[in-house]
């Protein structure tokens, strides 16, 4: 599971910039949604609080992995139907 973690952490603004660099255009509200806890207290993405300043952070590698994995699944499905 941790093989895609980069060790480079970004806050919500950094996550928006990372997505933008990947040509994925999200709004601040969409990023906020990924960090909102559900009724069980679980966040949609694995954000964690920085122990030094309390800011929410996420590993860049996780975001890249989500999109890469989605693309690979799509390609595999596409190859199966050809």
N, C-alpha and C. Protein backbone atom coordinates (compact mmCIF):
# COMPACT_ATOMS: atom_id res chain seq x y z
N UNK A 1 0.82 -1.20 0.00
CA UNK A 1 0.00 0.00 0.00
C UNK A 1 0.86 1.25 0.00
N UNK A 2 1.91 1.29 0.79
CA UNK A 2 2.72 2.48 0.90
C UNK A 2 3.69 2.69 -0.24
N UNK A 3 3.71 1.80 -1.21
CA UNK A 3 4.70 1.91 -2.28
C UNK A 3 4.50 3.16 -3.14
N UNK A 4 3.33 3.72 -3.15
CA UNK A 4 3.09 4.91 -3.95
C UNK A 4 3.23 6.20 -3.14
N UNK A 5 3.49 6.09 -1.85
CA UNK A 5 3.64 7.29 -1.05
C UNK A 5 5.01 7.91 -1.33
N UNK A 6 5.01 9.21 -1.53
CA UNK A 6 6.23 9.90 -1.95
C UNK A 6 7.02 10.51 -0.78
N UNK A 7 6.35 10.73 0.34
CA UNK A 7 7.00 11.42 1.44
C UNK A 7 6.96 12.93 1.29
N UNK A 8 6.28 13.41 0.24
CA UNK A 8 6.09 14.85 0.04
C UNK A 8 4.63 15.16 0.35
N UNK A 9 4.42 16.03 1.31
CA UNK A 9 3.08 16.31 1.79
C UNK A 9 2.62 17.70 1.35
N UNK A 10 1.33 17.79 1.04
CA UNK A 10 0.76 19.07 0.63
C UNK A 10 -0.50 19.33 1.46
N UNK A 11 -0.79 20.61 1.62
CA UNK A 11 -2.04 21.00 2.26
C UNK A 11 -3.12 21.10 1.17
N UNK A 12 -4.27 21.62 1.53
CA UNK A 12 -5.37 21.68 0.55
C UNK A 12 -5.01 22.54 -0.66
N UNK A 13 -4.35 23.66 -0.43
CA UNK A 13 -3.93 24.51 -1.57
C UNK A 13 -2.92 23.79 -2.43
N UNK A 14 -2.00 23.07 -1.80
CA UNK A 14 -1.01 22.30 -2.54
C UNK A 14 -1.65 21.19 -3.35
N UNK A 15 -2.69 20.58 -2.79
CA UNK A 15 -3.40 19.52 -3.51
C UNK A 15 -4.09 20.10 -4.75
N UNK A 16 -4.67 21.29 -4.61
CA UNK A 16 -5.29 21.95 -5.77
C UNK A 16 -4.25 22.24 -6.85
N UNK A 17 -3.08 22.73 -6.43
CA UNK A 17 -2.01 23.03 -7.39
C UNK A 17 -1.50 21.76 -8.06
N UNK A 18 -1.38 20.68 -7.28
CA UNK A 18 -0.93 19.41 -7.84
C UNK A 18 -1.92 18.91 -8.90
N UNK A 19 -3.20 18.95 -8.57
CA UNK A 19 -4.22 18.53 -9.54
C UNK A 19 -4.17 19.41 -10.78
N UNK A 20 -4.00 20.69 -10.59
CA UNK A 20 -3.91 21.63 -11.72
C UNK A 20 -2.72 21.25 -12.61
N UNK A 21 -1.60 20.89 -11.99
CA UNK A 21 -0.42 20.51 -12.77
C UNK A 21 -0.66 19.23 -13.56
N UNK A 22 -1.63 18.43 -13.11
CA UNK A 22 -2.00 17.20 -13.80
C UNK A 22 -3.13 17.46 -14.80
N UNK A 23 -3.47 18.73 -14.99
CA UNK A 23 -4.55 19.17 -15.89
C UNK A 23 -5.91 18.67 -15.41
N UNK A 24 -6.07 18.62 -14.09
CA UNK A 24 -7.34 18.26 -13.46
C UNK A 24 -7.79 19.49 -12.70
N UNK A 25 -8.93 20.00 -13.05
CA UNK A 25 -9.38 21.30 -12.53
C UNK A 25 -10.49 21.09 -11.50
N UNK A 26 -10.09 21.15 -10.25
CA UNK A 26 -11.03 21.02 -9.14
C UNK A 26 -11.24 22.38 -8.49
N UNK A 27 -12.33 22.49 -7.78
CA UNK A 27 -12.61 23.69 -7.00
C UNK A 27 -12.17 23.47 -5.56
N UNK A 28 -12.09 24.54 -4.82
CA UNK A 28 -11.75 24.44 -3.39
C UNK A 28 -12.80 23.58 -2.68
N UNK A 29 -14.04 23.71 -3.08
CA UNK A 29 -15.12 22.93 -2.46
C UNK A 29 -14.91 21.43 -2.66
N UNK A 30 -14.44 21.04 -3.83
CA UNK A 30 -14.19 19.61 -4.09
C UNK A 30 -13.06 19.08 -3.21
N UNK A 31 -12.02 19.88 -3.04
CA UNK A 31 -10.92 19.48 -2.15
C UNK A 31 -11.42 19.41 -0.71
N UNK A 32 -12.20 20.40 -0.30
CA UNK A 32 -12.76 20.38 1.06
C UNK A 32 -13.58 19.12 1.29
N UNK A 33 -14.34 18.69 0.28
CA UNK A 33 -15.17 17.49 0.39
C UNK A 33 -14.32 16.27 0.71
N UNK A 34 -13.12 16.16 0.12
CA UNK A 34 -12.27 14.99 0.36
C UNK A 34 -11.78 14.93 1.80
N UNK A 35 -11.78 16.08 2.48
CA UNK A 35 -11.25 16.16 3.85
C UNK A 35 -12.36 16.15 4.90
N UNK A 36 -13.62 16.24 4.49
CA UNK A 36 -14.72 16.25 5.45
C UNK A 36 -14.95 14.86 6.02
N UNK A 37 -15.01 14.75 7.34
CA UNK A 37 -15.30 13.44 7.94
C UNK A 37 -16.75 13.04 7.68
N UNK A 38 -16.97 11.74 7.49
CA UNK A 38 -18.34 11.25 7.34
C UNK A 38 -18.93 11.01 8.73
N UNK A 39 -20.08 10.37 8.80
CA UNK A 39 -20.74 10.17 10.09
C UNK A 39 -19.95 9.26 11.03
N UNK A 40 -18.97 8.52 10.50
CA UNK A 40 -18.11 7.68 11.34
C UNK A 40 -16.76 8.35 11.63
N UNK A 41 -16.59 9.57 11.15
CA UNK A 41 -15.35 10.30 11.39
C UNK A 41 -14.25 10.01 10.39
N UNK A 42 -14.57 9.25 9.34
CA UNK A 42 -13.58 8.90 8.31
C UNK A 42 -13.60 9.93 7.19
N UNK A 43 -12.43 10.34 6.75
CA UNK A 43 -12.32 11.26 5.63
C UNK A 43 -12.33 10.46 4.33
N UNK A 44 -12.74 11.10 3.22
CA UNK A 44 -12.79 10.41 1.93
C UNK A 44 -11.38 10.11 1.42
N UNK A 45 -10.43 11.00 1.65
CA UNK A 45 -9.03 10.80 1.32
C UNK A 45 -8.25 10.77 2.63
N UNK A 46 -7.07 10.16 2.64
CA UNK A 46 -6.33 10.00 3.90
C UNK A 46 -5.57 11.26 4.34
N UNK A 47 -6.30 12.31 4.62
CA UNK A 47 -5.71 13.53 5.17
C UNK A 47 -5.34 13.26 6.62
N UNK A 48 -4.29 13.92 7.10
CA UNK A 48 -3.93 13.81 8.51
C UNK A 48 -3.49 15.18 8.99
N UNK A 49 -3.59 15.37 10.29
CA UNK A 49 -3.20 16.66 10.87
C UNK A 49 -1.71 16.69 11.13
N UNK A 50 -1.07 17.76 10.65
CA UNK A 50 0.34 17.98 10.92
C UNK A 50 0.49 18.21 12.43
N UNK A 51 1.30 17.41 13.09
CA UNK A 51 1.44 17.58 14.54
C UNK A 51 2.05 18.93 14.94
N UNK A 52 2.77 19.56 14.04
CA UNK A 52 3.43 20.83 14.37
C UNK A 52 2.47 22.01 14.33
N UNK A 53 1.56 22.03 13.32
CA UNK A 53 0.71 23.21 13.20
C UNK A 53 -0.78 22.90 13.05
N UNK A 54 -1.16 21.63 13.04
CA UNK A 54 -2.57 21.27 12.98
C UNK A 54 -3.21 21.34 11.59
N UNK A 55 -2.41 21.71 10.56
CA UNK A 55 -2.95 21.77 9.20
C UNK A 55 -3.19 20.36 8.67
N UNK A 56 -4.21 20.21 7.83
CA UNK A 56 -4.44 18.94 7.17
C UNK A 56 -3.45 18.78 6.03
N UNK A 57 -2.83 17.60 5.97
CA UNK A 57 -1.86 17.29 4.92
C UNK A 57 -2.21 15.95 4.28
N UNK A 58 -1.71 15.76 3.07
CA UNK A 58 -1.87 14.50 2.36
C UNK A 58 -0.62 14.27 1.52
N UNK A 59 -0.28 13.02 1.29
CA UNK A 59 0.90 12.70 0.49
C UNK A 59 0.56 12.90 -0.99
N UNK A 60 1.45 13.58 -1.71
CA UNK A 60 1.26 13.82 -3.15
C UNK A 60 1.10 12.51 -3.91
N UNK A 61 1.86 11.50 -3.50
CA UNK A 61 1.83 10.22 -4.18
C UNK A 61 0.46 9.57 -4.17
N UNK A 62 -0.31 9.80 -3.10
CA UNK A 62 -1.66 9.24 -3.02
C UNK A 62 -2.54 9.82 -4.12
N UNK A 63 -2.47 11.13 -4.31
CA UNK A 63 -3.30 11.78 -5.34
C UNK A 63 -2.91 11.28 -6.72
N UNK A 64 -1.62 11.24 -6.98
CA UNK A 64 -1.16 10.73 -8.29
C UNK A 64 -1.58 9.27 -8.49
N UNK A 65 -1.50 8.47 -7.43
CA UNK A 65 -1.88 7.07 -7.50
C UNK A 65 -3.37 6.90 -7.86
N UNK A 66 -4.23 7.70 -7.26
CA UNK A 66 -5.66 7.61 -7.56
C UNK A 66 -5.93 7.75 -9.05
N UNK A 67 -5.33 8.73 -9.65
CA UNK A 67 -5.58 8.98 -11.07
C UNK A 67 -4.87 7.95 -11.96
N UNK A 68 -3.68 7.55 -11.59
CA UNK A 68 -2.95 6.55 -12.37
C UNK A 68 -3.70 5.21 -12.32
N UNK A 69 -4.16 4.82 -11.14
CA UNK A 69 -4.89 3.56 -10.99
C UNK A 69 -6.20 3.58 -11.78
N UNK A 70 -6.90 4.70 -11.72
CA UNK A 70 -8.13 4.83 -12.49
C UNK A 70 -7.89 4.71 -13.98
N UNK A 71 -6.81 5.31 -14.44
CA UNK A 71 -6.47 5.22 -15.86
C UNK A 71 -6.12 3.79 -16.25
N UNK A 72 -5.36 3.10 -15.41
CA UNK A 72 -4.96 1.72 -15.72
C UNK A 72 -6.18 0.79 -15.77
N UNK A 73 -7.11 0.95 -14.83
CA UNK A 73 -8.33 0.14 -14.84
C UNK A 73 -9.12 0.40 -16.11
N UNK A 74 -9.21 1.65 -16.50
CA UNK A 74 -9.93 2.01 -17.72
C UNK A 74 -9.28 1.37 -18.95
N UNK A 75 -7.95 1.41 -19.02
CA UNK A 75 -7.24 0.81 -20.16
C UNK A 75 -7.42 -0.71 -20.19
N UNK A 76 -7.37 -1.34 -19.03
CA UNK A 76 -7.57 -2.79 -18.98
C UNK A 76 -8.96 -3.16 -19.46
N UNK A 77 -9.96 -2.42 -19.03
CA UNK A 77 -11.33 -2.67 -19.47
C UNK A 77 -11.46 -2.45 -20.97
N UNK A 78 -10.86 -1.40 -21.45
CA UNK A 78 -10.91 -1.06 -22.88
C UNK A 78 -10.28 -2.17 -23.72
N UNK A 79 -9.16 -2.71 -23.26
CA UNK A 79 -8.49 -3.79 -23.99
C UNK A 79 -9.32 -5.07 -24.00
N UNK A 80 -10.06 -5.30 -22.92
CA UNK A 80 -10.88 -6.52 -22.84
C UNK A 80 -12.06 -6.48 -23.81
N UNK A 81 -12.58 -5.30 -24.09
CA UNK A 81 -13.77 -5.23 -24.95
C UNK A 81 -13.41 -5.13 -26.42
N UNK A 82 -12.15 -4.99 -26.74
CA UNK A 82 -11.73 -4.90 -28.15
C UNK A 82 -11.59 -6.26 -28.76
